[in-house]
């Protein structure tokens, strides 16, 4: 398959804390891939390096065939990378529709803007909440609104940092179904998650980070059965 993302020798440290320790990682276009690992493994820092919020100390990031290592965040977004972080970044005082307008206004205009807003309201089942202030939505609805804000600009790569944090089991399952739908539309998905049931629902392959390095990689079954992963992450190793 065509490679959409390649990271080579990525290193980053804050003082004596190393958050990326020579990471080599690649992602095929159309993939559904999860990053897992214990707290402090460097997962969120890795996302921020991909997005350009942190500048690496060494290494390169290639996206869709171009070196983006030196690009700023907004330039990477314009090339087709979108992100949803763990804490919803919505405007709570604005309505659901206004949040979508703000997210899309630099990318869409006129009829295209209105059509995309309607499509995202339908996609997230937020049609009846269109004029509701976003701050009074349920937690799950707020997460879905931000997913809509991230995907309405039609990214090639969607980064999700713990998209189901705080959700009920039903909301988590529905989120997984939504991501499969998006992936079916051609969006490559890379998600950080702790919920192993959710990882099993969406991921074709899983990468385990530990102390800023790739510790293991494979299918969800291979990763779960890996004794080292059980020890550092699942806490069930018989050693």
C-alpha atoms as a PDB file:
ATOM      1  CA  UNK A   1       0.000   0.000   0.000  1.00  0.00           C
ATOM      2  CA  UNK A   2       1.025   3.626  -0.480  1.00  0.00           C
ATOM      3  CA  UNK A   3       2.800   5.079   2.522  1.00  0.00           C
ATOM      4  CA  UNK A   4       1.198   8.266   3.849  1.00  0.00           C
ATOM      5  CA  UNK A   5       3.448   8.871   6.871  1.00  0.00           C
ATOM      6  CA  UNK A   6       7.055   7.996   7.632  1.00  0.00           C
ATOM      7  CA  UNK A   7       8.998   9.023  10.717  1.00  0.00           C
ATOM      8  CA  UNK A   8      12.734   8.363  10.822  1.00  0.00           C
ATOM      9  CA  UNK A   9      15.069   8.760  13.798  1.00  0.00           C
ATOM     10  CA  UNK A  10      12.690  11.108  15.617  1.00  0.00           C
ATOM     11  CA  UNK A  11      14.185  12.431  18.832  1.00  0.00           C
ATOM     12  CA  UNK A  12      12.923  14.957  21.358  1.00  0.00           C
ATOM     13  CA  UNK A  13      13.913  15.752  24.932  1.00  0.00           C
ATOM     14  CA  UNK A  14      12.769  18.337  27.442  1.00  0.00           C
ATOM     15  CA  UNK A  15      15.762  18.757  29.699  1.00  0.00           C
ATOM     16  CA  UNK A  16      16.581  15.270  30.910  1.00  0.00           C
ATOM     17  CA  UNK A  17      13.207  13.817  29.939  1.00  0.00           C
ATOM     18  CA  UNK A  18      13.322  11.995  26.608  1.00  0.00           C
ATOM     19  CA  UNK A  19       9.860  11.802  25.004  1.00  0.00           C
ATOM     20  CA  UNK A  20      10.967  10.471  21.606  1.00  0.00           C
ATOM     21  CA  UNK A  21      14.029   8.268  21.494  1.00  0.00           C
ATOM     22  CA  UNK A  22      14.905   7.620  17.861  1.00  0.00           C
ATOM     23  CA  UNK A  23      11.422   6.605  16.686  1.00  0.00           C
ATOM     24  CA  UNK A  24      11.106   4.930  13.279  1.00  0.00           C
ATOM     25  CA  UNK A  25       7.463   4.563  12.272  1.00  0.00           C
ATOM     26  CA  UNK A  26       5.462   4.264   9.064  1.00  0.00           C
ATOM     27  CA  UNK A  27       1.777   4.301   8.244  1.00  0.00           C
ATOM     28  CA  UNK A  28       0.075   3.125   5.058  1.00  0.00           C
ATOM     29  CA  UNK A  29      -2.657   5.197   3.429  1.00  0.00           C
ATOM     30  CA  UNK A  30      -6.037   3.889   4.535  1.00  0.00           C
ATOM     31  CA  UNK A  31      -4.734   2.375   7.757  1.00  0.00           C
ATOM     32  CA  UNK A  32      -6.562   2.158  11.092  1.00  0.00           C
ATOM     33  CA  UNK A  33      -3.686   2.128  13.573  1.00  0.00           C
ATOM     34  CA  UNK A  34      -3.546   2.531  17.355  1.00  0.00           C
ATOM     35  CA  UNK A  35      -0.755   3.684  19.648  1.00  0.00           C
ATOM     36  CA  UNK A  36      -0.824   2.280  23.162  1.00  0.00           C
ATOM     37  CA  UNK A  37       1.501   2.356  26.135  1.00  0.00           C
ATOM     38  CA  UNK A  38       1.672   3.264  29.809  1.00  0.00           C
ATOM     39  CA  UNK A  39       1.336   6.842  31.024  1.00  0.00           C
ATOM     40  CA  UNK A  40       4.472   8.796  30.201  1.00  0.00           C
ATOM     41  CA  UNK A  41       5.358   6.575  27.239  1.00  0.00           C
ATOM     42  CA  UNK A  42       5.462   9.585  24.902  1.00  0.00           C
ATOM     43  CA  UNK A  43       2.236   9.020  22.952  1.00  0.00           C
ATOM     44  CA  UNK A  44       0.831  12.558  23.172  1.00  0.00           C
ATOM     45  CA  UNK A  45       4.297  14.038  22.617  1.00  0.00           C
ATOM     46  CA  UNK A  46       4.608  11.939  19.472  1.00  0.00           C
ATOM     47  CA  UNK A  47       1.322  13.415  18.231  1.00  0.00           C
ATOM     48  CA  UNK A  48       2.509  16.937  18.958  1.00  0.00           C
ATOM     49  CA  UNK A  49       5.702  16.250  17.020  1.00  0.00           C
ATOM     50  CA  UNK A  50       3.644  14.999  14.071  1.00  0.00           C
ATOM     51  CA  UNK A  51       1.447  18.085  14.233  1.00  0.00           C
ATOM     52  CA  UNK A  52       4.366  20.493  14.540  1.00  0.00           C
ATOM     53  CA  UNK A  53       3.592  21.754  18.026  1.00  0.00           C
ATOM     54  CA  UNK A  54       7.001  20.447  19.129  1.00  0.00           C
ATOM     55  CA  UNK A  55      10.119  20.736  16.976  1.00  0.00           C
ATOM     56  CA  UNK A  56      12.221  17.544  16.981  1.00  0.00           C
ATOM     57  CA  UNK A  57      15.831  17.588  18.123  1.00  0.00           C
ATOM     58  CA  UNK A  58      16.646  15.140  15.327  1.00  0.00           C
ATOM     59  CA  UNK A  59      14.923  13.034  12.697  1.00  0.00           C
ATOM     60  CA  UNK A  60      12.506  13.607   9.840  1.00  0.00           C
ATOM     61  CA  UNK A  61       8.754  13.448   9.266  1.00  0.00           C
ATOM     62  CA  UNK A  62       7.504  12.723   5.751  1.00  0.00           C
ATOM     63  CA  UNK A  63       3.801  13.112   4.970  1.00  0.00           C
ATOM     64  CA  UNK A  64       2.191  12.197   1.660  1.00  0.00           C
ATOM     65  CA  UNK A  65       5.590  12.110  -0.029  1.00  0.00           C
ATOM     66  CA  UNK A  66       6.895  15.472   1.271  1.00  0.00           C
ATOM     67  CA  UNK A  67       9.257  16.315   4.109  1.00  0.00           C
ATOM     68  CA  UNK A  68       7.202  18.345   6.602  1.00  0.00           C
ATOM     69  CA  UNK A  69       9.732  18.368   9.458  1.00  0.00           C
ATOM     70  CA  UNK A  70      10.243  22.119   9.296  1.00  0.00           C
ATOM     71  CA  UNK A  71       6.629  23.083   8.580  1.00  0.00           C
ATOM     72  CA  UNK A  72       4.469  24.867  11.119  1.00  0.00           C
ATOM     73  CA  UNK A  73       1.240  23.342  12.417  1.00  0.00           C
ATOM     74  CA  UNK A  74      -1.115  25.323  10.181  1.00  0.00           C
ATOM     75  CA  UNK A  75       0.939  24.316   7.132  1.00  0.00           C
ATOM     76  CA  UNK A  76       0.649  20.635   8.054  1.00  0.00           C
ATOM     77  CA  UNK A  77      -3.089  21.014   8.567  1.00  0.00           C
ATOM     78  CA  UNK A  78      -3.425  22.574   5.120  1.00  0.00           C
ATOM     79  CA  UNK A  79      -1.591  19.580   3.644  1.00  0.00           C
ATOM     80  CA  UNK A  80      -4.167  17.205   5.115  1.00  0.00           C
ATOM     81  CA  UNK A  81      -3.402  16.412   8.765  1.00  0.00           C
ATOM     82  CA  UNK A  82      -6.160  16.961  11.319  1.00  0.00           C
ATOM     83  CA  UNK A  83      -6.218  16.232  15.039  1.00  0.00           C
ATOM     84  CA  UNK A  84      -8.549  15.751  17.960  1.00  0.00           C
ATOM     85  CA  UNK A  85      -6.887  15.936  21.352  1.00  0.00           C
ATOM     86  CA  UNK A  86      -8.170  14.218  24.500  1.00  0.00           C
ATOM     87  CA  UNK A  87      -9.806  17.297  26.047  1.00  0.00           C
ATOM     88  CA  UNK A  88     -12.474  18.699  23.701  1.00  0.00           C
ATOM     89  CA  UNK A  89     -11.352  22.009  22.191  1.00  0.00           C
ATOM     90  CA  UNK A  90     -14.840  23.270  21.488  1.00  0.00           C
ATOM     91  CA  UNK A  91     -16.205  26.767  22.063  1.00  0.00           C
ATOM     92  CA  UNK A  92     -18.676  26.037  24.849  1.00  0.00           C
ATOM     93  CA  UNK A  93     -20.594  29.318  24.592  1.00  0.00           C
ATOM     94  CA  UNK A  94     -21.206  28.866  20.869  1.00  0.00           C
ATOM     95  CA  UNK A  95     -23.847  26.629  19.361  1.00  0.00           C
ATOM     96  CA  UNK A  96     -23.001  23.327  17.740  1.00  0.00           C
ATOM     97  CA  UNK A  97     -23.501  24.902  14.324  1.00  0.00           C
ATOM     98  CA  UNK A  98     -21.316  27.897  15.172  1.00  0.00           C
ATOM     99  CA  UNK A  99     -18.514  25.556  16.300  1.00  0.00           C
ATOM    100  CA  UNK A 100     -18.651  23.816  12.945  1.00  0.00           C
ATOM    101  CA  UNK A 101     -18.682  27.149  11.102  1.00  0.00           C
ATOM    102  CA  UNK A 102     -15.575  28.280  12.969  1.00  0.00           C
ATOM    103  CA  UNK A 103     -13.794  24.996  12.224  1.00  0.00           C
ATOM    104  CA  UNK A 104     -14.629  25.034   8.525  1.00  0.00           C
ATOM    105  CA  UNK A 105     -14.591  28.739   7.630  1.00  0.00           C
ATOM    106  CA  UNK A 106     -11.009  28.799   6.366  1.00  0.00           C
ATOM    107  CA  UNK A 107     -11.564  25.710   4.213  1.00  0.00           C
ATOM    108  CA  UNK A 108     -15.150  25.930   2.937  1.00  0.00           C
ATOM    109  CA  UNK A 109     -17.446  28.703   1.756  1.00  0.00           C
ATOM    110  CA  UNK A 110     -21.016  29.233   0.569  1.00  0.00           C
ATOM    111  CA  UNK A 111     -23.038  26.175  -0.348  1.00  0.00           C
ATOM    112  CA  UNK A 112     -20.081  23.911   0.325  1.00  0.00           C
ATOM    113  CA  UNK A 113     -19.892  25.153   3.914  1.00  0.00           C
ATOM    114  CA  UNK A 114     -23.600  24.639   4.539  1.00  0.00           C
ATOM    115  CA  UNK A 115     -23.607  21.189   2.942  1.00  0.00           C
ATOM    116  CA  UNK A 116     -20.629  20.042   5.008  1.00  0.00           C
ATOM    117  CA  UNK A 117     -22.224  21.306   8.225  1.00  0.00           C
ATOM    118  CA  UNK A 118     -25.391  19.361   7.457  1.00  0.00           C
ATOM    119  CA  UNK A 119     -23.384  16.267   6.618  1.00  0.00           C
ATOM    120  CA  UNK A 120     -21.436  16.448   9.891  1.00  0.00           C
ATOM    121  CA  UNK A 121     -24.591  17.038  11.945  1.00  0.00           C
ATOM    122  CA  UNK A 122     -26.092  13.916  10.385  1.00  0.00           C
ATOM    123  CA  UNK A 123     -22.894  11.934  10.811  1.00  0.00           C
ATOM    124  CA  UNK A 124     -22.689  12.682  14.549  1.00  0.00           C
ATOM    125  CA  UNK A 125     -26.460  12.512  15.224  1.00  0.00           C
ATOM    126  CA  UNK A 126     -26.357  16.119  16.422  1.00  0.00           C
ATOM    127  CA  UNK A 127     -29.085  17.424  14.096  1.00  0.00           C
ATOM    128  CA  UNK A 128     -31.443  18.164  17.001  1.00  0.00           C
ATOM    129  CA  UNK A 129     -28.646  19.967  18.867  1.00  0.00           C
ATOM    130  CA  UNK A 130     -27.671  22.293  16.023  1.00  0.00           C
ATOM    131  CA  UNK A 131     -28.516  25.479  17.933  1.00  0.00           C
ATOM    132  CA  UNK A 132     -27.626  24.109  21.393  1.00  0.00           C
ATOM    133  CA  UNK A 133     -24.661  25.721  23.176  1.00  0.00           C
ATOM    134  CA  UNK A 134     -21.859  23.183  22.930  1.00  0.00           C
ATOM    135  CA  UNK A 135     -21.064  23.493  26.624  1.00  0.00           C
ATOM    136  CA  UNK A 136     -24.302  21.804  27.675  1.00  0.00           C
ATOM    137  CA  UNK A 137     -23.924  18.779  25.412  1.00  0.00           C
ATOM    138  CA  UNK A 138     -23.124  15.466  27.071  1.00  0.00           C
ATOM    139  CA  UNK A 139     -19.451  14.539  27.263  1.00  0.00           C
ATOM    140  CA  UNK A 140     -19.827  12.021  24.454  1.00  0.00           C
ATOM    141  CA  UNK A 141     -21.619  14.542  22.249  1.00  0.00           C
ATOM    142  CA  UNK A 142     -18.850  17.078  22.845  1.00  0.00           C
ATOM    143  CA  UNK A 143     -16.292  14.493  21.731  1.00  0.00           C
ATOM    144  CA  UNK A 144     -18.331  13.729  18.595  1.00  0.00           C
ATOM    145  CA  UNK A 145     -18.646  17.439  17.837  1.00  0.00           C
ATOM    146  CA  UNK A 146     -14.903  17.827  17.920  1.00  0.00           C
ATOM    147  CA  UNK A 147     -14.458  14.765  15.712  1.00  0.00           C
ATOM    148  CA  UNK A 148     -16.847  16.449  13.254  1.00  0.00           C
ATOM    149  CA  UNK A 149     -14.797  19.651  13.474  1.00  0.00           C
ATOM    150  CA  UNK A 150     -11.667  17.647  12.645  1.00  0.00           C
ATOM    151  CA  UNK A 151     -13.061  15.623   9.732  1.00  0.00           C
ATOM    152  CA  UNK A 152     -15.245  18.220   8.011  1.00  0.00           C
ATOM    153  CA  UNK A 153     -12.119  19.708   6.414  1.00  0.00           C
ATOM    154  CA  UNK A 154     -11.557  16.345   4.671  1.00  0.00           C
ATOM    155  CA  UNK A 155      -8.142  15.407   6.069  1.00  0.00           C
ATOM    156  CA  UNK A 156      -6.001  12.643   4.622  1.00  0.00           C
ATOM    157  CA  UNK A 157      -4.736  11.720   8.107  1.00  0.00           C
ATOM    158  CA  UNK A 158      -6.780  12.041  11.309  1.00  0.00           C
ATOM    159  CA  UNK A 159      -4.917  11.950  14.630  1.00  0.00           C
ATOM    160  CA  UNK A 160      -7.058  11.067  17.658  1.00  0.00           C
ATOM    161  CA  UNK A 161      -5.720  11.354  21.208  1.00  0.00           C
ATOM    162  CA  UNK A 162      -7.885   9.134  23.438  1.00  0.00           C
ATOM    163  CA  UNK A 163     -11.122   9.849  21.557  1.00  0.00           C
ATOM    164  CA  UNK A 164     -13.255   7.724  23.918  1.00  0.00           C
ATOM    165  CA  UNK A 165     -11.922   9.021  27.251  1.00  0.00           C
ATOM    166  CA  UNK A 166     -14.833   9.446  29.667  1.00  0.00           C
ATOM    167  CA  UNK A 167     -17.378   7.811  27.354  1.00  0.00           C
ATOM    168  CA  UNK A 168     -19.899   5.149  28.295  1.00  0.00           C
ATOM    169  CA  UNK A 169     -19.545   1.686  26.692  1.00  0.00           C
ATOM    170  CA  UNK A 170     -22.369   2.490  24.253  1.00  0.00           C
ATOM    171  CA  UNK A 171     -20.782   5.825  23.308  1.00  0.00           C
ATOM    172  CA  UNK A 172     -17.408   4.113  22.889  1.00  0.00           C
ATOM    173  CA  UNK A 173     -18.869   1.485  20.585  1.00  0.00           C
ATOM    174  CA  UNK A 174     -20.653   4.143  18.533  1.00  0.00           C
ATOM    175  CA  UNK A 175     -17.414   6.109  18.227  1.00  0.00           C
ATOM    176  CA  UNK A 176     -15.704   3.027  16.859  1.00  0.00           C
ATOM    177  CA  UNK A 177     -18.453   2.652  14.271  1.00  0.00           C
ATOM    178  CA  UNK A 178     -18.014   6.303  13.302  1.00  0.00           C
ATOM    179  CA  UNK A 179     -14.280   5.822  12.800  1.00  0.00           C
ATOM    180  CA  UNK A 180     -14.845   2.765  10.613  1.00  0.00           C
ATOM    181  CA  UNK A 181     -17.214   4.910   8.529  1.00  0.00           C
ATOM    182  CA  UNK A 182     -14.583   7.640   8.175  1.00  0.00           C
ATOM    183  CA  UNK A 183     -11.914   5.110   7.287  1.00  0.00           C
ATOM    184  CA  UNK A 184     -14.234   3.706   4.635  1.00  0.00           C
ATOM    185  CA  UNK A 185     -14.330   7.184   3.101  1.00  0.00           C
ATOM    186  CA  UNK A 186     -10.547   7.071   2.675  1.00  0.00           C
ATOM    187  CA  UNK A 187      -9.333   8.830   5.835  1.00  0.00           C
ATOM    188  CA  UNK A 188      -6.258   7.255   7.433  1.00  0.00           C
ATOM    189  CA  UNK A 189      -6.648   7.082  11.224  1.00  0.00           C
ATOM    190  CA  UNK A 190      -3.974   7.011  13.920  1.00  0.00           C
ATOM    191  CA  UNK A 191      -5.384   6.888  17.445  1.00  0.00           C
ATOM    192  CA  UNK A 192      -3.895   6.900  20.928  1.00  0.00           C
ATOM    193  CA  UNK A 193      -6.069   4.793  23.225  1.00  0.00           C
ATOM    194  CA  UNK A 194      -6.076   3.058  26.625  1.00  0.00           C
ATOM    195  CA  UNK A 195      -9.353   1.166  26.214  1.00  0.00           C
ATOM    196  CA  UNK A 196      -8.223  -2.193  24.847  1.00  0.00           C
ATOM    197  CA  UNK A 197     -11.758  -3.200  23.829  1.00  0.00           C
ATOM    198  CA  UNK A 198     -11.925  -0.068  21.677  1.00  0.00           C
ATOM    199  CA  UNK A 199      -8.461  -0.764  20.261  1.00  0.00           C
ATOM    200  CA  UNK A 200      -9.635  -4.249  19.344  1.00  0.00           C
ATOM    201  CA  UNK A 201     -12.749  -2.765  17.703  1.00  0.00           C
ATOM    202  CA  UNK A 202     -10.912  -0.376  15.375  1.00  0.00           C
ATOM    203  CA  UNK A 203      -7.229  -1.236  14.976  1.00  0.00           C
ATOM    204  CA  UNK A 204      -5.744  -3.348  12.225  1.00  0.00           C
ATOM    205  CA  UNK A 205      -2.276  -2.855  13.698  1.00  0.00           C
ATOM    206  CA  UNK A 206      -1.025  -1.603  17.046  1.00  0.00           C
ATOM    207  CA  UNK A 207       2.223   0.076  18.072  1.00  0.00           C
ATOM    208  CA  UNK A 208       3.365   0.054  21.710  1.00  0.00           C
ATOM    209  CA  UNK A 209       5.428   3.005  22.951  1.00  0.00           C
ATOM    210  CA  UNK A 210       7.538   2.776  26.104  1.00  0.00           C
ATOM    211  CA  UNK A 211       9.889   5.510  27.368  1.00  0.00           C
ATOM    212  CA  UNK A 212       9.721   7.280  24.016  1.00  0.00           C
ATOM    213  CA  UNK A 213      10.664   4.206  21.975  1.00  0.00           C
ATOM    214  CA  UNK A 214       8.721   1.651  19.964  1.00  0.00           C
ATOM    215  CA  UNK A 215       8.572  -1.436  22.157  1.00  0.00           C
ATOM    216  CA  UNK A 216       6.403  -3.726  20.015  1.00  0.00           C
ATOM    217  CA  UNK A 217       4.208  -3.692  16.939  1.00  0.00           C
ATOM    218  CA  UNK A 218       1.740  -6.084  15.351  1.00  0.00           C
ATOM    219  CA  UNK A 219      -1.897  -7.098  15.275  1.00  0.00           C
ATOM    220  CA  UNK A 220      -3.947  -6.608  18.428  1.00  0.00           C
ATOM    221  CA  UNK A 221      -3.693 -10.350  19.153  1.00  0.00           C
ATOM    222  CA  UNK A 222       0.081 -10.339  18.727  1.00  0.00           C
ATOM    223  CA  UNK A 223       0.471  -7.326  20.986  1.00  0.00           C
ATOM    224  CA  UNK A 224      -1.799  -8.681  23.725  1.00  0.00           C
ATOM    225  CA  UNK A 225       0.099 -11.992  23.702  1.00  0.00           C
ATOM    226  CA  UNK A 226       3.503 -10.289  23.830  1.00  0.00           C
ATOM    227  CA  UNK A 227       4.870 -11.027  27.345  1.00  0.00           C
ATOM    228  CA  UNK A 228       6.789  -7.762  27.523  1.00  0.00           C
ATOM    229  CA  UNK A 229       3.673  -5.756  26.655  1.00  0.00           C
ATOM    230  CA  UNK A 230       1.713  -7.639  29.309  1.00  0.00           C
ATOM    231  CA  UNK A 231       4.348  -6.645  31.827  1.00  0.00           C
ATOM    232  CA  UNK A 232       4.702  -2.952  31.012  1.00  0.00           C
ATOM    233  CA  UNK A 233       1.153  -2.138  29.971  1.00  0.00           C
ATOM    234  CA  UNK A 234      -1.439  -4.766  30.793  1.00  0.00           C
ATOM    235  CA  UNK A 235       0.138  -5.767  34.105  1.00  0.00           C
ATOM    236  CA  UNK A 236      -0.575  -9.475  33.633  1.00  0.00           C
ATOM    237  CA  UNK A 237       2.798 -10.970  32.827  1.00  0.00           C
ATOM    238  CA  UNK A 238       3.704 -14.172  34.625  1.00  0.00           C
ATOM    239  CA  UNK A 239       7.357 -13.419  35.361  1.00  0.00           C
END
